[in-house]
C-alpha atoms as a PDB file:
ATOM      1  CA  UNK A   1      93.387  97.108  78.321  1.00  0.00           C
ATOM      2  CA  UNK A   2      96.715  95.319  78.220  1.00  0.00           C
ATOM      3  CA  UNK A   3      97.948  93.171  81.102  1.00  0.00           C
ATOM      4  CA  UNK A   4     101.122  92.096  82.845  1.00  0.00           C
ATOM      5  CA  UNK A   5     100.658  88.984  84.976  1.00  0.00           C
ATOM      6  CA  UNK A   6     102.970  88.011  87.826  1.00  0.00           C
ATOM      7  CA  UNK A   7     102.215  84.561  89.206  1.00  0.00           C
ATOM      8  CA  UNK A   8     103.560  82.863  92.273  1.00  0.00           C
ATOM      9  CA  UNK A   9     105.601  85.586  93.986  1.00  0.00           C
ATOM     10  CA  UNK A  10     106.515  83.643  97.127  1.00  0.00           C
ATOM     11  CA  UNK A  11     108.084  84.595 100.443  1.00  0.00           C
ATOM     12  CA  UNK A  12     107.764  83.749 104.112  1.00  0.00           C
ATOM     13  CA  UNK A  13     105.606  86.124 106.109  1.00  0.00           C
ATOM     14  CA  UNK A  14     104.301  86.293 109.656  1.00  0.00           C
ATOM     15  CA  UNK A  15     100.681  87.232 108.980  1.00  0.00           C
ATOM     16  CA  UNK A  16      97.812  85.648 110.875  1.00  0.00           C
ATOM     17  CA  UNK A  17      95.647  85.906 113.938  1.00  0.00           C
ATOM     18  CA  UNK A  18      97.388  83.164 115.916  1.00  0.00           C
ATOM     19  CA  UNK A  19     100.557  83.706 117.962  1.00  0.00           C
ATOM     20  CA  UNK A  20     102.311  80.740 116.335  1.00  0.00           C
ATOM     21  CA  UNK A  21     101.689  82.165 112.847  1.00  0.00           C
ATOM     22  CA  UNK A  22     103.356  85.435 113.800  1.00  0.00           C
ATOM     23  CA  UNK A  23     106.184  83.655 115.611  1.00  0.00           C
ATOM     24  CA  UNK A  24     106.977  80.878 113.111  1.00  0.00           C
ATOM     25  CA  UNK A  25     105.907  82.394 109.793  1.00  0.00           C
ATOM     26  CA  UNK A  26     104.725  80.524 106.731  1.00  0.00           C
ATOM     27  CA  UNK A  27     104.794  80.835 102.949  1.00  0.00           C
ATOM     28  CA  UNK A  28     102.534  83.301 101.198  1.00  0.00           C
ATOM     29  CA  UNK A  29     102.075  83.313  97.445  1.00  0.00           C
ATOM     30  CA  UNK A  30     100.855  86.375  95.534  1.00  0.00           C
ATOM     31  CA  UNK A  31      99.583  86.728  91.990  1.00  0.00           C
ATOM     32  CA  UNK A  32      99.106  90.160  90.450  1.00  0.00           C
ATOM     33  CA  UNK A  33      97.572  91.287  87.178  1.00  0.00           C
ATOM     34  CA  UNK A  34      98.507  94.822  86.177  1.00  0.00           C
ATOM     35  CA  UNK A  35      96.156  96.574  83.770  1.00  0.00           C
ATOM     36  CA  UNK A  36      97.730  99.286  81.640  1.00  0.00           C
ATOM     37  CA  UNK A  37      98.107 100.495  78.067  1.00  0.00           C
ATOM     38  CA  UNK A  38     101.245  99.184  76.324  1.00  0.00           C
ATOM     39  CA  UNK A  39     101.096 101.724  73.468  1.00  0.00           C
ATOM     40  CA  UNK A  40     103.861 104.019  74.738  1.00  0.00           C
ATOM     41  CA  UNK A  41     106.129 101.115  75.784  1.00  0.00           C
ATOM     42  CA  UNK A  42     105.582  99.337  72.473  1.00  0.00           C
ATOM     43  CA  UNK A  43     106.527 102.469  70.536  1.00  0.00           C
ATOM     44  CA  UNK A  44     109.596 103.325  72.634  1.00  0.00           C
ATOM     45  CA  UNK A  45     110.695  99.774  73.547  1.00  0.00           C
ATOM     46  CA  UNK A  46     111.768 101.299  76.885  1.00  0.00           C
ATOM     47  CA  UNK A  47     111.101  99.715  80.272  1.00  0.00           C
ATOM     48  CA  UNK A  48     110.539 103.195  81.699  1.00  0.00           C
ATOM     49  CA  UNK A  49     107.304 103.373  79.689  1.00  0.00           C
ATOM     50  CA  UNK A  50     105.698 100.373  81.364  1.00  0.00           C
ATOM     51  CA  UNK A  51     105.274  98.902  84.839  1.00  0.00           C
ATOM     52  CA  UNK A  52     108.611  97.225  85.573  1.00  0.00           C
ATOM     53  CA  UNK A  53     107.494  93.778  86.725  1.00  0.00           C
ATOM     54  CA  UNK A  54     110.756  93.116  88.554  1.00  0.00           C
ATOM     55  CA  UNK A  55     110.133  96.154  90.718  1.00  0.00           C
ATOM     56  CA  UNK A  56     106.499  95.113  91.213  1.00  0.00           C
ATOM     57  CA  UNK A  57     107.686  91.680  92.376  1.00  0.00           C
ATOM     58  CA  UNK A  58     110.043  93.341  94.875  1.00  0.00           C
ATOM     59  CA  UNK A  59     107.169  95.461  96.166  1.00  0.00           C
ATOM     60  CA  UNK A  60     105.025  92.357  96.670  1.00  0.00           C
ATOM     61  CA  UNK A  61     107.841  90.500  98.454  1.00  0.00           C
ATOM     62  CA  UNK A  62     108.390  93.479 100.750  1.00  0.00           C
ATOM     63  CA  UNK A  63     104.737  93.402 101.810  1.00  0.00           C
ATOM     64  CA  UNK A  64     104.807  89.647 102.406  1.00  0.00           C
ATOM     65  CA  UNK A  65     107.946  89.866 104.556  1.00  0.00           C
ATOM     66  CA  UNK A  66     107.031  93.165 106.199  1.00  0.00           C
ATOM     67  CA  UNK A  67     105.008  94.140 109.236  1.00  0.00           C
ATOM     68  CA  UNK A  68     102.634  91.310 110.202  1.00  0.00           C
ATOM     69  CA  UNK A  69      98.932  91.744 109.575  1.00  0.00           C
ATOM     70  CA  UNK A  70      96.101  89.679 110.996  1.00  0.00           C
ATOM     71  CA  UNK A  71      94.246  89.086 107.737  1.00  0.00           C
ATOM     72  CA  UNK A  72      95.299  88.163 104.219  1.00  0.00           C
ATOM     73  CA  UNK A  73      92.457  90.423 103.102  1.00  0.00           C
ATOM     74  CA  UNK A  74      94.377  93.354 104.605  1.00  0.00           C
ATOM     75  CA  UNK A  75      97.582  92.177 102.942  1.00  0.00           C
ATOM     76  CA  UNK A  76      95.919  91.949  99.525  1.00  0.00           C
ATOM     77  CA  UNK A  77      94.444  95.456  99.780  1.00  0.00           C
ATOM     78  CA  UNK A  78      97.726  96.991 100.922  1.00  0.00           C
ATOM     79  CA  UNK A  79      99.644  95.350  98.079  1.00  0.00           C
ATOM     80  CA  UNK A  80      97.080  96.503  95.505  1.00  0.00           C
ATOM     81  CA  UNK A  81      97.018 100.074  96.807  1.00  0.00           C
ATOM     82  CA  UNK A  82     100.818 100.241  96.915  1.00  0.00           C
ATOM     83  CA  UNK A  83     101.113  99.021  93.321  1.00  0.00           C
ATOM     84  CA  UNK A  84      98.612 101.673  92.207  1.00  0.00           C
ATOM     85  CA  UNK A  85     100.588 104.333  94.050  1.00  0.00           C
ATOM     86  CA  UNK A  86     104.039 103.338  92.794  1.00  0.00           C
ATOM     87  CA  UNK A  87     103.442 102.183  89.219  1.00  0.00           C
ATOM     88  CA  UNK A  88     101.728 103.606  86.142  1.00  0.00           C
ATOM     89  CA  UNK A  89      98.880 101.120  86.036  1.00  0.00           C
ATOM     90  CA  UNK A  90      95.178 101.804  85.595  1.00  0.00           C
ATOM     91  CA  UNK A  91      94.043  98.870  87.715  1.00  0.00           C
ATOM     92  CA  UNK A  92      95.417  95.839  89.523  1.00  0.00           C
ATOM     93  CA  UNK A  93      94.107  92.451  90.610  1.00  0.00           C
ATOM     94  CA  UNK A  94      95.910  90.878  93.563  1.00  0.00           C
ATOM     95  CA  UNK A  95      95.410  87.365  94.908  1.00  0.00           C
ATOM     96  CA  UNK A  96      97.075  86.315  98.155  1.00  0.00           C
ATOM     97  CA  UNK A  97      97.366  82.574  98.751  1.00  0.00           C
ATOM     98  CA  UNK A  98      97.977  81.097 102.205  1.00  0.00           C
ATOM     99  CA  UNK A  99      98.622  77.436 101.384  1.00  0.00           C
ATOM    100  CA  UNK A 100      99.624  76.480 104.943  1.00  0.00           C
ATOM    101  CA  UNK A 101      96.734  78.221 106.684  1.00  0.00           C
ATOM    102  CA  UNK A 102      95.868  76.672 110.055  1.00  0.00           C
ATOM    103  CA  UNK A 103      92.677  74.950 108.922  1.00  0.00           C
ATOM    104  CA  UNK A 104      91.763  71.647 110.554  1.00  0.00           C
ATOM    105  CA  UNK A 105      90.449  69.952 107.410  1.00  0.00           C
ATOM    106  CA  UNK A 106      92.357  68.852 104.323  1.00  0.00           C
ATOM    107  CA  UNK A 107      92.516  71.660 101.765  1.00  0.00           C
ATOM    108  CA  UNK A 108      94.605  72.656  98.775  1.00  0.00           C
ATOM    109  CA  UNK A 109      94.772  76.415  99.205  1.00  0.00           C
ATOM    110  CA  UNK A 110      93.017  79.400 100.666  1.00  0.00           C
ATOM    111  CA  UNK A 111      93.168  82.685  98.795  1.00  0.00           C
ATOM    112  CA  UNK A 112      91.610  86.125  98.701  1.00  0.00           C
ATOM    113  CA  UNK A 113      91.457  88.394  95.665  1.00  0.00           C
ATOM    114  CA  UNK A 114      90.971  92.124  95.314  1.00  0.00           C
ATOM    115  CA  UNK A 115      90.580  94.458  92.355  1.00  0.00           C
ATOM    116  CA  UNK A 116      91.559  98.086  92.685  1.00  0.00           C
ATOM    117  CA  UNK A 117      91.617 100.794  90.030  1.00  0.00           C
ATOM    118  CA  UNK A 118      92.851 104.299  89.805  1.00  0.00           C
ATOM    119  CA  UNK A 119      90.115 106.801  90.540  1.00  0.00           C
END
């Protein structure tokens, strides 16, 4: 299976369980790996025969900046399911990073990852 990888799609969102997270917002970073067959796109050399990664990036940004969710797990699943619904991909891996999560110890990043495939 061929892959398109989008790394570091970043926007400010208001996801989290604490009032201040929903009020103030914070950066979220999303990586997505789209699994699909490039055969048709390679033969036609036409963007319509692949998953347009610019449109995928817009979809991801819209979820980050959209209606607040409590959990980044929920955000990751919704992004993955939306990509499967809107784009001709066989499967997708989505990782949501919350680098400014309200954790009281020093840390570099917190992230969740999901894998979803077309059934």
